[in-house]
Structures are given as C-alpha cells and as structure tokens.
Amino acid sequence: MEKNKSRFLKNDDGTIYDSLTSLTWLAKDSRLDLEKDVSWDQSQEYMKETNDKKIAGHSDWRLPSIHEATSLYDKSKLNKDYKGADINIDSVFPPGMANCTWTSETRGNEGQIIFYVNGMPYWYKKEDKTISHAVRLVRRD
C-alpha cells in the first residue's frame, strides 16, 4: 500500500512549506515562541520583531489572511495545544501551540482569528487574550 505524501515539507530553518498553497509558515507560533498569549497589537509587534531578526533569512513575514489561516485546519489531523487539548492541525507543526491564530482581517477595534478546534473564524477585540490568542506568521516566495 502506498503511503500518502504529506502536503507539508519541514525545513531545517524552522519553517514549513505547504505544497498545496505555496505558502511558507513558521513552524512555531507566537505561543510556542514567547510562552504567552498575545493581543492583536502584540501580534503586530511580534511580526515586526521577526522581520527585524530576518528569521529563516526573510524579512517579509506577515499575518495570514483568514483563507490562508483556514487552510491549515484539517478535521482529519490531530495535534495538541499548549494545554494538551485536541486541535485539528497537522502534526508537522510542533505541539504546544495556541488553539487559534490572529489573521490580517480587521474591522474597527476587532481582529479575526481562526479557531483550530472547529475551523471557524471569530471576531475578537484586538486587546482580548481570553482564549490563548497567538499568531502564526506566513510568507509567500
């Protein structure tokens, strides 16, 4: 029986390439990297600092669109968030991440997240930190 090939390619520089979307993701989200929740504004600062450090040799990391972030949700995949709860994101990403990610979508004082428990988008106040908000940065070559 032929083994299904993963759509994800884990790189030695801490990134993961998605062959389905042609996006490159940081393997660790901000929750894993900083060991704390971040507000939407803090996610912007995290993005700036990541770009200033040229992580993985690049300075064009950004917040994903809602569609890009949703593309990581896969009901058939199982991983663990930082509290040990089940989330539906490929195990190529290291366990211990947040259960959601901020996206680039905004409306007034709200930002949109994708929740990796059910794959649904939600709007939250940008300063809200009640459900382990984090950000997973992305770029496209």
C-alpha atoms as a PDB file:
ATOM      1  CA  MET A   1       0.000   0.000   0.000  1.00  0.00           C
ATOM      2  CA  GLU A   2       1.367   3.399  -0.974  1.00  0.00           C
ATOM      3  CA  LYS A   3       1.839   5.894   1.824  1.00  0.00           C
ATOM      4  CA  ASN A   4       0.132   9.254   1.308  1.00  0.00           C
ATOM      5  CA  LYS A   5       2.629  12.046   0.842  1.00  0.00           C
ATOM      6  CA  SER A   6       2.277  14.969   3.192  1.00  0.00           C
ATOM      7  CA  ARG A   7       1.485  18.302   1.646  1.00  0.00           C
ATOM      8  CA  PHE A   8       3.892  19.843   4.184  1.00  0.00           C
ATOM      9  CA  LEU A   9       7.681  19.955   3.935  1.00  0.00           C
ATOM     10  CA  LYS A  10       9.515  20.657   7.178  1.00  0.00           C
ATOM     11  CA  ASN A  11      12.660  22.714   6.604  1.00  0.00           C
ATOM     12  CA  ASP A  12      15.789  22.911   8.781  1.00  0.00           C
ATOM     13  CA  ASP A  13      15.350  26.683   9.236  1.00  0.00           C
ATOM     14  CA  GLY A  14      12.217  26.396  11.412  1.00  0.00           C
ATOM     15  CA  THR A  15       9.761  26.788   8.558  1.00  0.00           C
ATOM     16  CA  ILE A  16       7.172  24.534   6.955  1.00  0.00           C
ATOM     17  CA  TYR A  17       6.350  24.740   3.263  1.00  0.00           C
ATOM     18  CA  ASP A  18       2.786  23.957   2.198  1.00  0.00           C
ATOM     19  CA  SER A  19       2.814  22.462  -1.309  1.00  0.00           C
ATOM     20  CA  LEU A  20      -0.960  22.872  -1.628  1.00  0.00           C
ATOM     21  CA  THR A  21      -0.986  26.663  -1.093  1.00  0.00           C
ATOM     22  CA  SER A  22       2.679  27.509  -1.889  1.00  0.00           C
ATOM     23  CA  LEU A  23       2.922  29.262   1.475  1.00  0.00           C
ATOM     24  CA  THR A  24       5.786  29.027   3.943  1.00  0.00           C
ATOM     25  CA  TRP A  25       4.798  29.057   7.619  1.00  0.00           C
ATOM     26  CA  LEU A  26       6.892  29.494  10.716  1.00  0.00           C
ATOM     27  CA  ALA A  27       6.781  26.112  12.443  1.00  0.00           C
ATOM     28  CA  LYS A  28       6.307  27.739  15.854  1.00  0.00           C
ATOM     29  CA  ASP A  29       3.501  30.153  16.547  1.00  0.00           C
ATOM     30  CA  SER A  30       3.959  33.076  18.942  1.00  0.00           C
ATOM     31  CA  ARG A  31       2.548  30.987  21.839  1.00  0.00           C
ATOM     32  CA  LEU A  32       5.354  28.443  21.474  1.00  0.00           C
ATOM     33  CA  ASP A  33       7.965  31.124  20.841  1.00  0.00           C
ATOM     34  CA  LEU A  34       7.011  33.594  23.599  1.00  0.00           C
ATOM     35  CA  GLU A  35       5.240  31.207  26.017  1.00  0.00           C
ATOM     36  CA  LYS A  36       2.377  33.686  26.453  1.00  0.00           C
ATOM     37  CA  ASP A  37      -0.792  34.891  24.783  1.00  0.00           C
ATOM     38  CA  VAL A  38      -0.674  37.941  22.540  1.00  0.00           C
ATOM     39  CA  SER A  39      -3.237  40.588  21.703  1.00  0.00           C
ATOM     40  CA  TRP A  40      -3.714  41.639  18.093  1.00  0.00           C
ATOM     41  CA  ASP A  41      -1.427  44.664  18.628  1.00  0.00           C
ATOM     42  CA  GLN A  42       1.202  42.416  20.205  1.00  0.00           C
ATOM     43  CA  SER A  43       0.946  40.133  17.174  1.00  0.00           C
ATOM     44  CA  GLN A  44       1.893  43.143  15.040  1.00  0.00           C
ATOM     45  CA  GLU A  45       4.932  43.781  17.235  1.00  0.00           C
ATOM     46  CA  TYR A  46       5.869  40.083  17.094  1.00  0.00           C
ATOM     47  CA  MET A  47       5.701  40.250  13.289  1.00  0.00           C
ATOM     48  CA  LYS A  48       7.908  43.360  13.237  1.00  0.00           C
ATOM     49  CA  GLU A  49      10.492  41.775  15.554  1.00  0.00           C
ATOM     50  CA  THR A  50      10.510  38.568  13.493  1.00  0.00           C
ATOM     51  CA  ASN A  51      11.150  40.580  10.343  1.00  0.00           C
ATOM     52  CA  ASP A  52      13.824  42.718  12.034  1.00  0.00           C
ATOM     53  CA  LYS A  53      15.641  39.495  13.036  1.00  0.00           C
ATOM     54  CA  LYS A  54      15.244  38.105   9.490  1.00  0.00           C
ATOM     55  CA  ILE A  55      14.079  34.767  10.842  1.00  0.00           C
ATOM     56  CA  ALA A  56      14.848  31.975   8.345  1.00  0.00           C
ATOM     57  CA  GLY A  57      16.612  34.619   6.244  1.00  0.00           C
ATOM     58  CA  HIS A  58      13.480  36.631   5.409  1.00  0.00           C
ATOM     59  CA  SER A  59      12.001  39.969   6.401  1.00  0.00           C
ATOM     60  CA  ASP A  60       8.578  39.627   4.768  1.00  0.00           C
ATOM     61  CA  TRP A  61       6.721  37.574   7.397  1.00  0.00           C
ATOM     62  CA  ARG A  62       3.104  38.652   7.846  1.00  0.00           C
ATOM     63  CA  LEU A  63      -0.169  37.716   9.477  1.00  0.00           C
ATOM     64  CA  PRO A  64      -2.112  35.248   7.341  1.00  0.00           C
ATOM     65  CA  SER A  65      -5.378  36.128   5.665  1.00  0.00           C
ATOM     66  CA  ILE A  66      -8.405  34.303   7.032  1.00  0.00           C
ATOM     67  CA  HIS A  67      -8.317  31.998   3.990  1.00  0.00           C
ATOM     68  CA  GLU A  68      -4.616  31.209   4.465  1.00  0.00           C
ATOM     69  CA  ALA A  69      -5.067  30.510   8.182  1.00  0.00           C
ATOM     70  CA  THR A  70      -8.135  28.363   7.499  1.00  0.00           C
ATOM     71  CA  SER A  71      -6.137  26.274   5.027  1.00  0.00           C
ATOM     72  CA  LEU A  72      -4.196  24.780   7.985  1.00  0.00           C
ATOM     73  CA  TYR A  73      -7.363  23.447   9.616  1.00  0.00           C
ATOM     74  CA  ASP A  74      -7.867  19.778   8.772  1.00  0.00           C
ATOM     75  CA  LYS A  75     -10.543  17.802  10.595  1.00  0.00           C
ATOM     76  CA  SER A  76      -8.663  14.556   9.837  1.00  0.00           C
ATOM     77  CA  LYS A  77      -5.462  15.773  11.555  1.00  0.00           C
ATOM     78  CA  LEU A  78      -4.818  15.843  15.277  1.00  0.00           C
ATOM     79  CA  ASN A  79      -2.349  17.875  17.314  1.00  0.00           C
ATOM     80  CA  LYS A  80      -2.238  19.278  20.861  1.00  0.00           C
ATOM     81  CA  ASP A  81      -2.414  22.873  22.014  1.00  0.00           C
ATOM     82  CA  TYR A  82      -0.360  24.203  24.930  1.00  0.00           C
ATOM     83  CA  LYS A  83      -2.949  22.948  27.436  1.00  0.00           C
ATOM     84  CA  GLY A  84      -2.940  19.431  25.942  1.00  0.00           C
ATOM     85  CA  ALA A  85      -6.327  19.821  24.259  1.00  0.00           C
ATOM     86  CA  ASP A  86      -7.018  18.452  20.787  1.00  0.00           C
ATOM     87  CA  ILE A  87      -6.777  20.776  17.784  1.00  0.00           C
ATOM     88  CA  ASN A  88      -7.075  19.961  14.094  1.00  0.00           C
ATOM     89  CA  ILE A  89      -3.788  20.984  12.532  1.00  0.00           C
ATOM     90  CA  ASP A  90      -1.163  18.707  11.000  1.00  0.00           C
ATOM     91  CA  SER A  91       1.354  17.138  13.383  1.00  0.00           C
ATOM     92  CA  VAL A  92       4.212  18.505  11.247  1.00  0.00           C
ATOM     93  CA  PHE A  93       3.645  21.629  13.378  1.00  0.00           C
ATOM     94  CA  PRO A  94       5.098  21.191  16.875  1.00  0.00           C
ATOM     95  CA  PRO A  95       2.604  20.516  19.674  1.00  0.00           C
ATOM     96  CA  GLY A  96       2.077  23.126  22.366  1.00  0.00           C
ATOM     97  CA  MET A  97       0.818  25.897  20.110  1.00  0.00           C
ATOM     98  CA  ALA A  98      -2.212  28.069  20.722  1.00  0.00           C
ATOM     99  CA  ASN A  99      -5.624  26.815  19.621  1.00  0.00           C
ATOM    100  CA  CYS A 100      -6.060  29.746  17.218  1.00  0.00           C
ATOM    101  CA  THR A 101      -4.199  32.357  15.235  1.00  0.00           C
ATOM    102  CA  TRP A 102      -4.820  36.035  14.604  1.00  0.00           C
ATOM    103  CA  THR A 103      -5.303  36.901  10.942  1.00  0.00           C
ATOM    104  CA  SER A 104      -4.821  40.105   8.971  1.00  0.00           C
ATOM    105  CA  GLU A 105      -8.595  40.655   8.814  1.00  0.00           C
ATOM    106  CA  THR A 106      -9.835  43.614  10.893  1.00  0.00           C
ATOM    107  CA  ARG A 107     -12.970  45.695  11.399  1.00  0.00           C
ATOM    108  CA  GLY A 108     -12.669  48.665  13.725  1.00  0.00           C
ATOM    109  CA  ASN A 109     -11.256  47.520  17.077  1.00  0.00           C
ATOM    110  CA  GLU A 110     -11.709  43.841  16.231  1.00  0.00           C
ATOM    111  CA  GLY A 111      -9.425  41.297  14.602  1.00  0.00           C
ATOM    112  CA  GLN A 112     -10.405  37.941  13.194  1.00  0.00           C
ATOM    113  CA  ILE A 113      -8.990  34.607  14.352  1.00  0.00           C
ATOM    114  CA  ILE A 114      -9.315  31.071  13.076  1.00  0.00           C
ATOM    115  CA  PHE A 115     -10.026  28.552  15.819  1.00  0.00           C
ATOM    116  CA  TYR A 116      -8.264  25.215  15.185  1.00  0.00           C
ATOM    117  CA  VAL A 117     -10.699  23.243  17.334  1.00  0.00           C
ATOM    118  CA  ASN A 118     -13.557  23.643  14.856  1.00  0.00           C
ATOM    119  CA  GLY A 119     -12.076  25.540  11.890  1.00  0.00           C
ATOM    120  CA  MET A 120     -14.375  28.516  12.447  1.00  0.00           C
ATOM    121  CA  PRO A 121     -13.439  32.211  12.206  1.00  0.00           C
ATOM    122  CA  TYR A 122     -14.369  34.556  15.050  1.00  0.00           C
ATOM    123  CA  TRP A 123     -14.066  38.272  15.673  1.00  0.00           C
ATOM    124  CA  TYR A 124     -12.396  39.388  18.926  1.00  0.00           C
ATOM    125  CA  LYS A 125     -11.465  42.710  20.397  1.00  0.00           C
ATOM    126  CA  LYS A 126      -7.861  43.361  19.446  1.00  0.00           C
ATOM    127  CA  GLU A 127      -6.830  43.542  23.111  1.00  0.00           C
ATOM    128  CA  ASP A 128      -8.611  40.280  24.066  1.00  0.00           C
ATOM    129  CA  LYS A 129      -6.429  37.498  25.493  1.00  0.00           C
ATOM    130  CA  THR A 130      -9.126  35.173  26.867  1.00  0.00           C
ATOM    131  CA  ILE A 131      -8.646  32.088  24.660  1.00  0.00           C
ATOM    132  CA  SER A 132      -4.891  31.766  24.195  1.00  0.00           C
ATOM    133  CA  HIS A 133      -4.593  34.045  21.196  1.00  0.00           C
ATOM    134  CA  ALA A 134      -1.396  33.739  19.198  1.00  0.00           C
ATOM    135  CA  VAL A 135      -0.176  34.318  15.678  1.00  0.00           C
ATOM    136  CA  ARG A 136       1.463  32.002  13.178  1.00  0.00           C
ATOM    137  CA  LEU A 137       3.357  34.048  10.606  1.00  0.00           C
ATOM    138  CA  VAL A 138       3.436  33.230   6.915  1.00  0.00           C
ATOM    139  CA  ARG A 139       5.145  34.331   3.732  1.00  0.00           C
ATOM    140  CA  ARG A 140       4.999  33.534   0.037  1.00  0.00           C
ATOM    141  CA  ASP A 141       8.051  33.300  -2.244  1.00  0.00           C
END
